[in-house]
Amino acid sequence: AGLVVEVNEAPALRGYPVARRLEALVGAPVRVEHRARVQVLGDRWFGPGRGRRSFASVSTGEVLGVGILYAGEVLAPPGGRSGAHMTVSASGRRCTCGRRGCWKTVATTRWLRERARALGLGGDVTLGALVAAPGEGAARLVGEYAENLVLGLATVQQLFACGLFVLHGEAREGGERFRALVEERLRADVLGGGEPVRVVVSEAAVDDVALLGAAGLVLSGR
């Protein structure tokens, strides 16, 4: 319908007719799609997901979301979301959506900074700095962060057997060490059978991947 469904951090945008407003400004047809869905298309046509029938593309960092290609089709049910608000802890902290224990509350940069501050590691840290930092405290925090990310990834794998997870955003700062840690924890958490689960970290800028996916969607005529 060309409307913003909801933005938890900006409730005033709920129902905003963004497509109609942009059409008036640019004089061209405008379509609206979820960021995670065009991101997975970018990886499918131009990135590590090329040639695959099923895989997941995951944004990490300040935002969290997952787009899923399943049996050759992007999962896009009416009213579907990006996965950031799947419940991973029934008694967890309150999320911006008003519920408790969402994946977003434990697997974003905000959580990482708050946890680092609580551990006396500083409140303005980055994943890359923590991975490179000496000492057990930083290493434990990186491991905890990887486990929190895997809470959602394991659920997606159990449901859709994606096989491949392409990480974007903050995960790139963590380098090979963080990638291997996430893959190891994910393999330990999922059931056996099927292809071994792989985790890769994209070197492409996540905004570029999403734009490529959106452009490809338009050019494909879908």
N, C-alpha and C. Protein backbone atom coordinates (compact mmCIF):
# COMPACT_ATOMS: atom_id res chain seq x y z
N ALA A 1 0.81 -1.22 0.00
CA ALA A 1 0.00 0.00 0.00
C ALA A 1 0.85 1.26 0.00
N GLY A 2 2.16 1.13 0.10
CA GLY A 2 3.02 2.31 0.10
C GLY A 2 3.02 3.06 1.40
N LEU A 3 2.63 2.39 2.49
CA LEU A 3 2.56 3.03 3.80
C LEU A 3 3.66 2.49 4.72
N VAL A 4 4.12 3.32 5.65
CA VAL A 4 4.98 2.84 6.73
C VAL A 4 4.09 2.09 7.71
N VAL A 5 4.36 0.80 7.92
CA VAL A 5 3.54 0.02 8.85
C VAL A 5 3.76 0.49 10.28
N GLU A 6 5.03 0.51 10.71
CA GLU A 6 5.34 1.03 12.03
C GLU A 6 6.84 1.25 12.16
N VAL A 7 7.19 2.23 12.97
CA VAL A 7 8.57 2.46 13.39
C VAL A 7 8.51 2.67 14.90
N ASN A 8 8.96 1.69 15.65
CA ASN A 8 8.80 1.74 17.10
C ASN A 8 9.43 2.98 17.72
N GLU A 9 10.58 3.40 17.18
CA GLU A 9 11.27 4.56 17.74
C GLU A 9 10.63 5.88 17.30
N ALA A 10 9.74 5.83 16.31
CA ALA A 10 9.07 7.04 15.82
C ALA A 10 7.60 6.73 15.54
N PRO A 11 6.80 6.63 16.59
CA PRO A 11 5.39 6.23 16.42
C PRO A 11 4.60 7.14 15.49
N ALA A 12 5.01 8.40 15.36
CA ALA A 12 4.27 9.33 14.51
C ALA A 12 4.31 8.92 13.04
N LEU A 13 5.27 8.07 12.65
CA LEU A 13 5.38 7.64 11.26
C LEU A 13 4.45 6.47 10.92
N ARG A 14 3.77 5.92 11.91
CA ARG A 14 2.89 4.79 11.64
C ARG A 14 1.79 5.21 10.66
N GLY A 15 1.68 4.47 9.57
CA GLY A 15 0.68 4.78 8.56
C GLY A 15 1.05 5.90 7.62
N TYR A 16 2.29 6.40 7.71
CA TYR A 16 2.71 7.52 6.87
C TYR A 16 2.73 7.09 5.39
N PRO A 17 2.10 7.87 4.50
CA PRO A 17 2.01 7.49 3.07
C PRO A 17 3.30 7.81 2.33
N VAL A 18 4.37 7.14 2.64
CA VAL A 18 5.69 7.48 2.13
C VAL A 18 5.76 7.36 0.61
N ALA A 19 5.13 6.35 0.02
CA ALA A 19 5.19 6.19 -1.44
C ALA A 19 4.52 7.36 -2.15
N ARG A 20 3.33 7.74 -1.68
CA ARG A 20 2.61 8.85 -2.33
C ARG A 20 3.39 10.16 -2.21
N ARG A 21 3.99 10.40 -1.05
CA ARG A 21 4.75 11.63 -0.84
C ARG A 21 5.99 11.67 -1.74
N LEU A 22 6.68 10.53 -1.86
CA LEU A 22 7.86 10.49 -2.71
C LEU A 22 7.50 10.61 -4.18
N GLU A 23 6.41 10.00 -4.59
CA GLU A 23 5.97 10.12 -5.98
C GLU A 23 5.73 11.58 -6.34
N ALA A 24 5.16 12.33 -5.41
CA ALA A 24 4.90 13.75 -5.66
C ALA A 24 6.20 14.53 -5.79
N LEU A 25 7.22 14.11 -5.06
CA LEU A 25 8.50 14.83 -5.08
C LEU A 25 9.34 14.49 -6.31
N VAL A 26 9.37 13.22 -6.70
CA VAL A 26 10.29 12.80 -7.77
C VAL A 26 9.60 12.57 -9.11
N GLY A 27 8.28 12.54 -9.12
CA GLY A 27 7.57 12.35 -10.38
C GLY A 27 7.77 10.99 -11.00
N ALA A 28 7.94 9.97 -10.17
CA ALA A 28 8.14 8.61 -10.68
C ALA A 28 7.43 7.63 -9.75
N PRO A 29 7.07 6.44 -10.24
CA PRO A 29 6.41 5.45 -9.38
C PRO A 29 7.33 5.05 -8.22
N VAL A 30 6.75 4.84 -7.05
CA VAL A 30 7.51 4.47 -5.85
C VAL A 30 6.89 3.22 -5.24
N ARG A 31 7.72 2.27 -4.86
CA ARG A 31 7.27 1.08 -4.16
C ARG A 31 8.02 0.97 -2.84
N VAL A 32 7.39 0.35 -1.86
CA VAL A 32 8.00 0.20 -0.54
C VAL A 32 8.19 -1.28 -0.24
N GLU A 33 9.38 -1.65 0.25
CA GLU A 33 9.65 -3.02 0.64
C GLU A 33 10.52 -3.02 1.89
N HIS A 34 10.47 -4.11 2.61
CA HIS A 34 11.24 -4.22 3.85
C HIS A 34 12.73 -4.33 3.56
N ARG A 35 13.52 -3.64 4.36
CA ARG A 35 14.97 -3.61 4.14
C ARG A 35 15.58 -5.01 4.13
N ALA A 36 15.22 -5.85 5.08
CA ALA A 36 15.83 -7.19 5.16
C ALA A 36 15.54 -8.01 3.92
N ARG A 37 14.38 -7.79 3.30
CA ARG A 37 14.00 -8.58 2.13
C ARG A 37 14.80 -8.19 0.90
N VAL A 38 15.02 -6.88 0.70
CA VAL A 38 15.83 -6.49 -0.45
C VAL A 38 17.31 -6.80 -0.19
N GLN A 39 17.70 -6.83 1.07
CA GLN A 39 19.09 -7.19 1.39
C GLN A 39 19.39 -8.63 1.01
N VAL A 40 18.47 -9.54 1.32
CA VAL A 40 18.71 -10.94 0.97
C VAL A 40 18.71 -11.11 -0.55
N LEU A 41 17.94 -10.28 -1.27
CA LEU A 41 17.97 -10.34 -2.73
C LEU A 41 19.32 -9.84 -3.26
N GLY A 42 19.87 -8.80 -2.62
CA GLY A 42 21.19 -8.33 -3.02
C GLY A 42 22.24 -9.41 -2.89
N ASP A 43 22.18 -10.16 -1.79
CA ASP A 43 23.13 -11.26 -1.60
C ASP A 43 22.85 -12.41 -2.56
N ARG A 44 21.60 -12.59 -2.91
CA ARG A 44 21.25 -13.68 -3.82
C ARG A 44 21.77 -13.42 -5.23
N TRP A 45 21.63 -12.20 -5.70
CA TRP A 45 21.99 -11.89 -7.08
C TRP A 45 23.42 -11.42 -7.26
N PHE A 46 24.01 -10.85 -6.20
CA PHE A 46 25.33 -10.24 -6.35
C PHE A 46 26.34 -10.66 -5.30
N GLY A 47 25.95 -11.48 -4.33
CA GLY A 47 26.84 -11.78 -3.22
C GLY A 47 27.00 -13.26 -2.94
N PRO A 48 27.30 -13.62 -1.68
CA PRO A 48 27.59 -15.01 -1.32
C PRO A 48 26.43 -15.98 -1.51
N GLY A 49 25.20 -15.45 -1.65
CA GLY A 49 24.06 -16.33 -1.83
C GLY A 49 23.77 -16.69 -3.28
N ARG A 50 24.60 -16.22 -4.19
CA ARG A 50 24.37 -16.48 -5.61
C ARG A 50 24.34 -17.98 -5.90
N GLY A 51 23.30 -18.42 -6.58
CA GLY A 51 23.17 -19.82 -6.95
C GLY A 51 22.50 -20.69 -5.90
N ARG A 52 22.20 -20.14 -4.73
CA ARG A 52 21.58 -20.94 -3.67
C ARG A 52 20.05 -20.81 -3.73
N ARG A 53 19.39 -21.86 -3.24
CA ARG A 53 17.94 -21.85 -3.16
C ARG A 53 17.45 -21.39 -1.79
N SER A 54 18.29 -21.57 -0.77
CA SER A 54 17.92 -21.16 0.58
C SER A 54 19.14 -20.62 1.31
N PHE A 55 18.97 -19.49 1.98
CA PHE A 55 19.99 -18.93 2.87
C PHE A 55 19.38 -17.72 3.58
N ALA A 56 20.11 -17.17 4.53
CA ALA A 56 19.64 -16.02 5.28
C ALA A 56 20.67 -14.91 5.24
N SER A 57 20.20 -13.66 5.15
CA SER A 57 21.06 -12.48 5.16
C SER A 57 20.73 -11.68 6.41
N VAL A 58 21.75 -11.40 7.22
CA VAL A 58 21.52 -10.84 8.55
C VAL A 58 22.25 -9.51 8.72
N SER A 59 21.53 -8.49 9.15
CA SER A 59 22.13 -7.20 9.51
C SER A 59 22.46 -7.21 10.99
N THR A 60 23.67 -6.79 11.33
CA THR A 60 24.07 -6.72 12.73
C THR A 60 24.55 -5.30 13.04
N GLY A 61 24.49 -4.93 14.30
CA GLY A 61 24.97 -3.61 14.70
C GLY A 61 23.89 -2.80 15.39
N GLU A 62 23.74 -1.54 14.98
CA GLU A 62 22.73 -0.68 15.58
C GLU A 62 21.32 -1.21 15.30
N VAL A 63 21.15 -1.87 14.16
CA VAL A 63 19.87 -2.50 13.83
C VAL A 63 20.11 -4.00 13.69
N LEU A 64 19.03 -4.76 13.74
CA LEU A 64 19.13 -6.21 13.63
C LEU A 64 17.97 -6.70 12.79
N GLY A 65 18.27 -7.52 11.82
CA GLY A 65 17.21 -8.05 10.98
C GLY A 65 17.71 -9.20 10.14
N VAL A 66 16.80 -10.03 9.69
CA VAL A 66 17.18 -11.16 8.86
C VAL A 66 16.19 -11.33 7.72
N GLY A 67 16.73 -11.41 6.50
CA GLY A 67 15.93 -11.73 5.33
C GLY A 67 16.19 -13.18 4.95
N ILE A 68 15.16 -13.90 4.57
CA ILE A 68 15.30 -15.34 4.33
C ILE A 68 14.85 -15.69 2.92
N LEU A 69 15.74 -16.35 2.20
CA LEU A 69 15.38 -16.95 0.91
C LEU A 69 15.14 -18.44 1.18
N TYR A 70 13.94 -18.92 0.88
CA TYR A 70 13.59 -20.31 1.16
C TYR A 70 13.03 -20.96 -0.10
N ALA A 71 13.69 -22.02 -0.55
CA ALA A 71 13.27 -22.74 -1.76
C ALA A 71 13.11 -21.79 -2.94
N GLY A 72 14.02 -20.82 -3.05
CA GLY A 72 14.03 -19.93 -4.19
C GLY A 72 13.15 -18.70 -4.08
N GLU A 73 12.42 -18.56 -2.97
CA GLU A 73 11.52 -17.42 -2.80
C GLU A 73 11.85 -16.68 -1.51
N VAL A 74 11.75 -15.36 -1.56
CA VAL A 74 11.93 -14.55 -0.35
C VAL A 74 10.70 -14.69 0.52
N LEU A 75 10.90 -15.01 1.79
CA LEU A 75 9.77 -15.10 2.71
C LEU A 75 9.25 -13.69 2.99
N ALA A 76 8.02 -13.43 2.58
CA ALA A 76 7.44 -12.09 2.74
C ALA A 76 5.95 -12.18 3.03
N PRO A 77 5.57 -12.80 4.15
CA PRO A 77 4.14 -12.91 4.45
C PRO A 77 3.56 -11.55 4.83
N PRO A 78 2.30 -11.31 4.52
CA PRO A 78 1.67 -10.06 4.93
C PRO A 78 1.79 -9.85 6.45
N GLY A 79 2.29 -8.70 6.85
CA GLY A 79 2.47 -8.44 8.27
C GLY A 79 3.74 -9.02 8.85
N GLY A 80 4.56 -9.70 8.02
CA GLY A 80 5.79 -10.29 8.51
C GLY A 80 6.82 -9.24 8.88
N ARG A 81 7.73 -9.59 9.77
CA ARG A 81 8.76 -8.67 10.22
C ARG A 81 10.14 -9.24 9.91
N SER A 82 11.17 -8.58 10.43
CA SER A 82 12.54 -8.96 10.09
C SER A 82 13.16 -9.95 11.07
N GLY A 83 12.45 -10.31 12.14
CA GLY A 83 13.00 -11.25 13.11
C GLY A 83 13.60 -10.60 14.32
N ALA A 84 13.84 -9.29 14.30
CA ALA A 84 14.45 -8.61 15.44
C ALA A 84 13.61 -8.73 16.70
N HIS A 85 12.30 -8.93 16.52
CA HIS A 85 11.41 -8.97 17.68
C HIS A 85 10.93 -10.37 18.01
N MET A 86 11.63 -11.40 17.50
CA MET A 86 11.33 -12.75 17.99
C MET A 86 11.76 -12.82 19.46
N THR A 87 10.98 -13.51 20.27
CA THR A 87 11.27 -13.59 21.70
C THR A 87 12.35 -14.64 21.96
N VAL A 88 13.43 -14.23 22.61
CA VAL A 88 14.51 -15.16 22.93
C VAL A 88 14.68 -15.32 24.44
N SER A 89 13.96 -14.49 25.23
CA SER A 89 14.03 -14.59 26.69
C SER A 89 12.71 -14.12 27.27
N ALA A 90 11.96 -15.05 27.86
CA ALA A 90 10.63 -14.72 28.36
C ALA A 90 10.66 -13.66 29.45
N SER A 91 11.74 -13.59 30.20
CA SER A 91 11.84 -12.62 31.30
C SER A 91 12.90 -11.56 31.02
N GLY A 92 13.17 -11.33 29.74
CA GLY A 92 14.22 -10.38 29.36
C GLY A 92 13.80 -8.93 29.53
N ARG A 93 14.69 -8.03 29.11
CA ARG A 93 14.43 -6.60 29.24
C ARG A 93 13.35 -6.15 28.27
N ARG A 94 12.75 -5.01 28.58
CA ARG A 94 11.69 -4.48 27.73
C ARG A 94 12.28 -3.89 26.45
N CYS A 95 11.63 -4.17 25.33
CA CYS A 95 12.08 -3.72 24.03
C CYS A 95 11.36 -2.43 23.64
N THR A 96 11.83 -1.78 22.58
CA THR A 96 11.18 -0.58 22.09
C THR A 96 9.77 -0.86 21.58
N CYS A 97 9.48 -2.12 21.27
CA CYS A 97 8.14 -2.48 20.80
C CYS A 97 7.16 -2.65 21.95
N GLY A 98 7.66 -2.63 23.18
CA GLY A 98 6.80 -2.76 24.35
C GLY A 98 6.80 -4.15 24.96
N ARG A 99 7.30 -5.15 24.23
CA ARG A 99 7.34 -6.51 24.76
C ARG A 99 8.69 -6.75 25.44
N ARG A 100 8.82 -7.90 26.06
CA ARG A 100 10.06 -8.25 26.74
C ARG A 100 10.79 -9.37 26.03
N GLY A 101 12.12 -9.33 26.11
CA GLY A 101 12.93 -10.44 25.65
C GLY A 101 13.11 -10.58 24.16
N CYS A 102 12.89 -9.49 23.39
CA CYS A 102 13.11 -9.57 21.95
C CYS A 102 14.59 -9.79 21.64
N TRP A 103 14.86 -10.44 20.52
CA TRP A 103 16.24 -10.70 20.07
C TRP A 103 17.02 -9.40 20.01
N LYS A 104 16.37 -8.33 19.58
CA LYS A 104 16.99 -7.02 19.45
C LYS A 104 17.57 -6.52 20.76
N THR A 105 16.99 -6.91 21.88
CA THR A 105 17.44 -6.37 23.17
C THR A 105 18.78 -6.92 23.63
N VAL A 106 19.24 -8.03 23.02
CA VAL A 106 20.50 -8.64 23.47
C VAL A 106 21.52 -8.80 22.36
N ALA A 107 21.19 -8.44 21.13
CA ALA A 107 22.11 -8.72 20.02
C ALA A 107 22.32 -7.51 19.12
N THR A 108 22.36 -6.32 19.71
CA THR A 108 22.66 -5.10 18.96
C THR A 108 23.78 -4.34 19.66
N THR A 109 24.29 -3.32 18.97
CA THR A 109 25.39 -2.52 19.52
C THR A 109 25.00 -1.88 20.84
N ARG A 110 23.75 -1.50 20.99
CA ARG A 110 23.30 -0.89 22.24
C ARG A 110 23.55 -1.82 23.42
N TRP A 111 23.17 -3.09 23.27
CA TRP A 111 23.41 -4.06 24.34
C TRP A 111 24.90 -4.20 24.59
N LEU A 112 25.69 -4.28 23.53
CA LEU A 112 27.13 -4.48 23.67
C LEU A 112 27.77 -3.34 24.47
N ARG A 113 27.37 -2.11 24.18
CA ARG A 113 27.93 -0.97 24.90
C ARG A 113 27.51 -0.96 26.36
N GLU A 114 26.24 -1.26 26.60
CA GLU A 114 25.75 -1.27 27.98
C GLU A 114 26.44 -2.36 28.79
N ARG A 115 26.63 -3.50 28.19
CA ARG A 115 27.29 -4.62 28.88
C ARG A 115 28.76 -4.30 29.13
N ALA A 116 29.42 -3.69 28.16
CA ALA A 116 30.83 -3.31 28.32
C ALA A 116 30.97 -2.29 29.46
N ARG A 117 30.04 -1.35 29.53
CA ARG A 117 30.08 -0.36 30.60
C ARG A 117 29.91 -1.03 31.97
N ALA A 118 28.99 -1.98 32.05
CA ALA A 118 28.75 -2.68 33.31
C ALA A 118 29.96 -3.50 33.74
N LEU A 119 30.75 -3.97 32.78
CA LEU A 119 31.93 -4.78 33.09
C LEU A 119 33.18 -3.93 33.28
N GLY A 120 33.03 -2.60 33.17
CA GLY A 120 34.18 -1.72 33.35
C GLY A 120 35.10 -1.66 32.15
N LEU A 121 34.56 -1.97 30.97
CA LEU A 121 35.38 -1.96 29.75
C LEU A 121 35.19 -0.69 28.93
N GLY A 122 34.41 0.26 29.47
CA GLY A 122 34.15 1.49 28.73
C GLY A 122 32.80 1.43 28.05
N GLY A 123 32.19 2.58 27.85
CA GLY A 123 30.85 2.60 27.29
C GLY A 123 30.77 2.96 25.83
N ASP A 124 31.91 3.22 25.20
CA ASP A 124 31.90 3.63 23.79
C ASP A 124 32.73 2.67 22.95
N VAL A 125 32.63 1.39 23.28
CA VAL A 125 33.45 0.38 22.62
C VAL A 125 32.82 -0.05 21.30
N THR A 126 33.62 -0.70 20.47
CA THR A 126 33.14 -1.32 19.25
C THR A 126 33.47 -2.80 19.29
N LEU A 127 32.79 -3.57 18.48
CA LEU A 127 33.07 -5.00 18.44
C LEU A 127 34.51 -5.25 18.01
N GLY A 128 34.98 -4.50 17.03
CA GLY A 128 36.36 -4.68 16.57
C GLY A 128 37.37 -4.42 17.66
N ALA A 129 37.14 -3.37 18.45
CA ALA A 129 38.06 -3.05 19.55
C ALA A 129 38.04 -4.13 20.61
N LEU A 130 36.88 -4.68 20.90
CA LEU A 130 36.78 -5.73 21.91
C LEU A 130 37.48 -7.01 21.45
N VAL A 131 37.32 -7.35 20.18
CA VAL A 131 37.99 -8.55 19.66
C VAL A 131 39.51 -8.41 19.75
N ALA A 132 40.01 -7.20 19.50
CA ALA A 132 41.46 -6.97 19.53
C ALA A 132 42.01 -6.72 20.92
N ALA A 133 41.14 -6.45 21.88
CA ALA A 133 41.60 -6.08 23.22
C ALA A 133 42.17 -7.28 23.96
N PRO A 134 43.22 -7.07 24.76
CA PRO A 134 43.76 -8.15 25.58
C PRO A 134 42.88 -8.36 26.81
N GLY A 135 43.02 -9.49 27.44
CA GLY A 135 42.31 -9.73 28.69
C GLY A 135 41.09 -10.62 28.52
N GLU A 136 40.77 -11.31 29.63
CA GLU A 136 39.66 -12.25 29.61
C GLU A 136 38.30 -11.55 29.55
N GLY A 137 38.22 -10.35 30.14
CA GLY A 137 36.94 -9.66 30.18
C GLY A 137 36.40 -9.36 28.80
N ALA A 138 37.23 -8.81 27.94
CA ALA A 138 36.80 -8.51 26.58
C ALA A 138 36.46 -9.77 25.81
N ALA A 139 37.27 -10.81 25.98
CA ALA A 139 37.02 -12.07 25.27
C ALA A 139 35.70 -12.69 25.70
N ARG A 140 35.40 -12.64 27.00
CA ARG A 140 34.14 -13.19 27.48
C ARG A 140 32.95 -12.41 26.93
N LEU A 141 33.08 -11.10 26.85
CA LEU A 141 31.99 -10.28 26.33
C LEU A 141 31.75 -10.57 24.85
N VAL A 142 32.81 -10.73 24.08
CA VAL A 142 32.66 -11.07 22.66
C VAL A 142 31.95 -12.42 22.52
N GLY A 143 32.33 -13.38 23.38
CA GLY A 143 31.68 -14.68 23.35
C GLY A 143 30.20 -14.60 23.71
N GLU A 144 29.89 -13.77 24.69
CA GLU A 144 28.49 -13.59 25.10
C GLU A 144 27.67 -12.95 23.98
N TYR A 145 28.28 -11.98 23.32
CA TYR A 145 27.61 -11.30 22.22
C TYR A 145 27.34 -12.27 21.07
N ALA A 146 28.32 -13.12 20.77
CA ALA A 146 28.14 -14.13 19.73
C ALA A 146 27.01 -15.08 20.09
N GLU A 147 26.95 -15.49 21.36
CA GLU A 147 25.88 -16.38 21.80
C GLU A 147 24.51 -15.73 21.65
N ASN A 148 24.43 -14.43 21.97
CA ASN A 148 23.16 -13.72 21.83
C ASN A 148 22.72 -13.64 20.38
N LEU A 149 23.67 -13.43 19.49
CA LEU A 149 23.35 -13.40 18.06
C LEU A 149 22.85 -14.77 17.60
N VAL A 150 23.49 -15.82 18.11
CA VAL A 150 23.12 -17.18 17.73
C VAL A 150 21.73 -17.56 18.23
N LEU A 151 21.24 -16.92 19.30
CA LEU A 151 19.90 -17.22 19.79
C LEU A 151 18.87 -17.10 18.68
N GLY A 152 18.97 -16.04 17.89
CA GLY A 152 18.04 -15.87 16.78
C GLY A 152 18.41 -16.70 15.57
N LEU A 153 19.70 -16.76 15.26
CA LEU A 153 20.13 -17.52 14.08
C LEU A 153 19.75 -18.99 14.20
N ALA A 154 19.89 -19.56 15.40
CA ALA A 154 19.57 -20.98 15.59
C ALA A 154 18.08 -21.24 15.37
N THR A 155 17.24 -20.30 15.80
CA THR A 155 15.81 -20.45 15.59
C THR A 155 15.49 -20.44 14.10
N VAL A 156 16.11 -19.51 13.37
CA VAL A 156 15.89 -19.44 11.92
C VAL A 156 16.35 -20.73 11.25
N GLN A 157 17.51 -21.25 11.68
CA GLN A 157 18.02 -22.49 11.09
C GLN A 157 17.11 -23.67 11.39
N GLN A 158 16.61 -23.75 12.61
CA GLN A 158 15.73 -24.87 12.96
C GLN A 158 14.46 -24.86 12.13
N LEU A 159 13.94 -23.66 11.84
CA LEU A 159 12.68 -23.56 11.12
C LEU A 159 12.85 -23.73 9.61
N PHE A 160 13.93 -23.18 9.05
CA PHE A 160 14.03 -23.10 7.59
C PHE A 160 15.25 -23.80 7.00
N ALA A 161 16.13 -24.34 7.85
CA ALA A 161 17.31 -25.06 7.36
C ALA A 161 18.03 -24.25 6.29
N CYS A 162 18.35 -23.00 6.61
CA CYS A 162 18.97 -22.10 5.63
C CYS A 162 20.32 -22.61 5.14
N GLY A 163 21.11 -23.18 6.06
CA GLY A 163 22.42 -23.71 5.68
C GLY A 163 23.51 -22.66 5.63
N LEU A 164 23.18 -21.50 5.07
CA LEU A 164 24.16 -20.41 4.95
C LEU A 164 23.59 -19.14 5.57
N PHE A 165 24.41 -18.48 6.40
CA PHE A 165 24.06 -17.18 6.98
C PHE A 165 25.11 -16.16 6.55
N VAL A 166 24.66 -15.10 5.90
CA VAL A 166 25.54 -14.02 5.46
C VAL A 166 25.37 -12.86 6.44
N LEU A 167 26.43 -12.53 7.17
CA LEU A 167 26.38 -11.45 8.15
C LEU A 167 26.86 -10.15 7.54
N HIS A 168 26.16 -9.08 7.86
CA HIS A 168 26.51 -7.74 7.39
C HIS A 168 26.68 -6.79 8.57
N GLY A 169 27.26 -5.64 8.30
CA GLY A 169 27.31 -4.59 9.31
C GLY A 169 28.43 -4.79 10.31
N GLU A 170 28.06 -4.70 11.59
CA GLU A 170 29.04 -4.73 12.66
C GLU A 170 29.88 -6.00 12.69
N ALA A 171 29.30 -7.10 12.24
CA ALA A 171 30.03 -8.37 12.27
C ALA A 171 31.34 -8.28 11.51
N ARG A 172 31.41 -7.40 10.49
CA ARG A 172 32.64 -7.26 9.72
C ARG A 172 33.79 -6.75 10.59
N GLU A 173 33.47 -5.91 11.59
CA GLU A 173 34.51 -5.41 12.49
C GLU A 173 35.15 -6.52 13.32
N GLY A 174 34.38 -7.56 13.58
CA GLY A 174 34.89 -8.65 14.41
C GLY A 174 35.87 -9.56 13.69
N GLY A 175 35.94 -9.46 12.37
CA GLY A 175 36.91 -10.25 11.62
C GLY A 175 36.65 -11.74 11.67
N GLU A 176 37.67 -12.49 11.29
CA GLU A 176 37.57 -13.94 11.22
C GLU A 176 37.31 -14.56 12.58
N ARG A 177 37.86 -13.97 13.62
CA ARG A 177 37.67 -14.53 14.96
C ARG A 177 36.20 -14.54 15.35
N PHE A 178 35.51 -13.43 15.11
CA PHE A 178 34.10 -13.35 15.48
C PHE A 178 33.27 -14.25 14.58
N ARG A 179 33.57 -14.26 13.28
CA ARG A 179 32.83 -15.12 12.35
C ARG A 179 32.91 -16.57 12.77
N ALA A 180 34.14 -17.03 13.07
CA ALA A 180 34.34 -18.43 13.46
C ALA A 180 33.63 -18.74 14.76
N LEU A 181 33.61 -17.78 15.67
CA LEU A 181 32.94 -17.98 16.96
C LEU A 181 31.44 -18.15 16.76
N VAL A 182 30.85 -17.30 15.93
CA VAL A 182 29.41 -17.41 15.66
C VAL A 182 29.10 -18.75 14.98
N GLU A 183 29.91 -19.14 14.01
CA GLU A 183 29.67 -20.40 13.31
C GLU A 183 29.78 -21.58 14.27
N GLU A 184 30.79 -21.56 15.12
CA GLU A 184 30.98 -22.66 16.08
C GLU A 184 29.79 -22.77 17.02
N ARG A 185 29.34 -21.64 17.57
CA ARG A 185 28.20 -21.67 18.50
C ARG A 185 26.92 -22.09 17.78
N LEU A 186 26.74 -21.63 16.55
CA LEU A 186 25.55 -21.97 15.80
C LEU A 186 25.50 -23.46 15.49
N ARG A 187 26.61 -24.01 15.07
CA ARG A 187 26.66 -25.45 14.77
C ARG A 187 26.37 -26.28 16.01
N ALA A 188 26.79 -25.79 17.17
CA ALA A 188 26.57 -26.52 18.41
C ALA A 188 25.11 -26.47 18.85
N ASP A 189 24.38 -25.43 18.42
CA ASP A 189 23.01 -25.22 18.88
C ASP A 189 21.95 -25.83 17.99
N VAL A 190 22.29 -26.19 16.75
CA VAL A 190 21.26 -26.70 15.84
C VAL A 190 21.33 -28.21 15.75
N LEU A 191 20.22 -28.81 15.34
CA LEU A 191 20.17 -30.25 15.16
C LEU A 191 20.99 -30.68 13.97
N GLY A 192 21.44 -31.92 13.99
CA GLY A 192 22.21 -32.44 12.87
C GLY A 192 21.33 -32.75 11.68
N GLY A 193 21.96 -33.19 10.60
CA GLY A 193 21.23 -33.50 9.38
C GLY A 193 21.31 -32.36 8.39
N GLY A 194 21.29 -32.70 7.12
CA GLY A 194 21.38 -31.67 6.11
C GLY A 194 22.81 -31.18 5.96
N GLU A 195 22.97 -30.09 5.21
CA GLU A 195 24.31 -29.56 5.00
C GLU A 195 24.83 -28.89 6.27
N PRO A 196 26.14 -28.89 6.49
CA PRO A 196 26.70 -28.19 7.64
C PRO A 196 26.41 -26.70 7.56
N VAL A 197 26.06 -26.10 8.67
CA VAL A 197 25.76 -24.68 8.69
C VAL A 197 27.05 -23.88 8.48
N ARG A 198 26.99 -22.88 7.59
CA ARG A 198 28.13 -22.01 7.36
C ARG A 198 27.75 -20.56 7.66
N VAL A 199 28.71 -19.81 8.17
CA VAL A 199 28.54 -18.39 8.41
C VAL A 199 29.62 -17.65 7.64
N VAL A 200 29.23 -16.69 6.82
CA VAL A 200 30.20 -15.85 6.11
C VAL A 200 29.90 -14.40 6.45
N VAL A 201 30.92 -13.57 6.41
CA VAL A 201 30.76 -12.15 6.66
C VAL A 201 31.01 -11.42 5.35
N SER A 202 30.03 -10.66 4.90
CA SER A 202 30.15 -9.93 3.64
C SER A 202 31.12 -8.77 3.78
N GLU A 203 31.93 -8.57 2.77
CA GLU A 203 32.84 -7.43 2.74
C GLU A 203 32.19 -6.20 2.12
N ALA A 204 31.02 -6.38 1.53
CA ALA A 204 30.33 -5.27 0.88
C ALA A 204 29.60 -4.43 1.92
N ALA A 205 29.48 -3.13 1.65
CA ALA A 205 28.70 -2.25 2.52
C ALA A 205 27.25 -2.68 2.49
N VAL A 206 26.63 -2.80 3.66
CA VAL A 206 25.27 -3.33 3.73
C VAL A 206 24.28 -2.44 2.99
N ASP A 207 24.49 -1.13 2.98
CA ASP A 207 23.59 -0.25 2.23
C ASP A 207 23.67 -0.53 0.74
N ASP A 208 24.88 -0.82 0.26
CA ASP A 208 25.03 -1.14 -1.17
C ASP A 208 24.30 -2.43 -1.52
N VAL A 209 24.39 -3.42 -0.64
CA VAL A 209 23.73 -4.70 -0.89
C VAL A 209 22.22 -4.52 -0.96
N ALA A 210 21.68 -3.74 -0.02
CA ALA A 210 20.23 -3.50 -0.02
C ALA A 210 19.79 -2.74 -1.28
N LEU A 211 20.58 -1.76 -1.68
CA LEU A 211 20.24 -1.00 -2.89
C LEU A 211 20.30 -1.89 -4.14
N LEU A 212 21.29 -2.76 -4.21
CA LEU A 212 21.38 -3.68 -5.34
C LEU A 212 20.19 -4.62 -5.37
N GLY A 213 19.79 -5.09 -4.20
CA GLY A 213 18.63 -5.97 -4.14
C GLY A 213 17.36 -5.27 -4.58
N ALA A 214 17.19 -4.01 -4.15
CA ALA A 214 16.00 -3.24 -4.54
C ALA A 214 16.00 -2.97 -6.04
N ALA A 215 17.17 -2.61 -6.58
CA ALA A 215 17.27 -2.36 -8.01
C ALA A 215 16.97 -3.62 -8.81
N GLY A 216 17.52 -4.74 -8.35
CA GLY A 216 17.25 -6.00 -9.03
C GLY A 216 15.79 -6.38 -8.99
N LEU A 217 15.13 -6.07 -7.88
CA LEU A 217 13.71 -6.36 -7.76
C LEU A 217 12.91 -5.56 -8.77
N VAL A 218 13.27 -4.29 -8.93
CA VAL A 218 12.58 -3.45 -9.91
C VAL A 218 12.83 -3.96 -11.32
N LEU A 219 14.09 -4.26 -11.63
CA LEU A 219 14.44 -4.69 -12.98
C LEU A 219 13.83 -6.05 -13.34
N SER A 220 13.60 -6.87 -12.32
CA SER A 220 13.01 -8.19 -12.58
C SER A 220 11.51 -8.10 -12.87
N GLY A 221 10.92 -6.92 -12.60
CA GLY A 221 9.51 -6.72 -12.89
C GLY A 221 8.58 -7.31 -11.85
N ARG A 222 9.11 -7.69 -10.67
CA ARG A 222 8.27 -8.30 -9.64
C ARG A 222 7.53 -7.24 -8.83
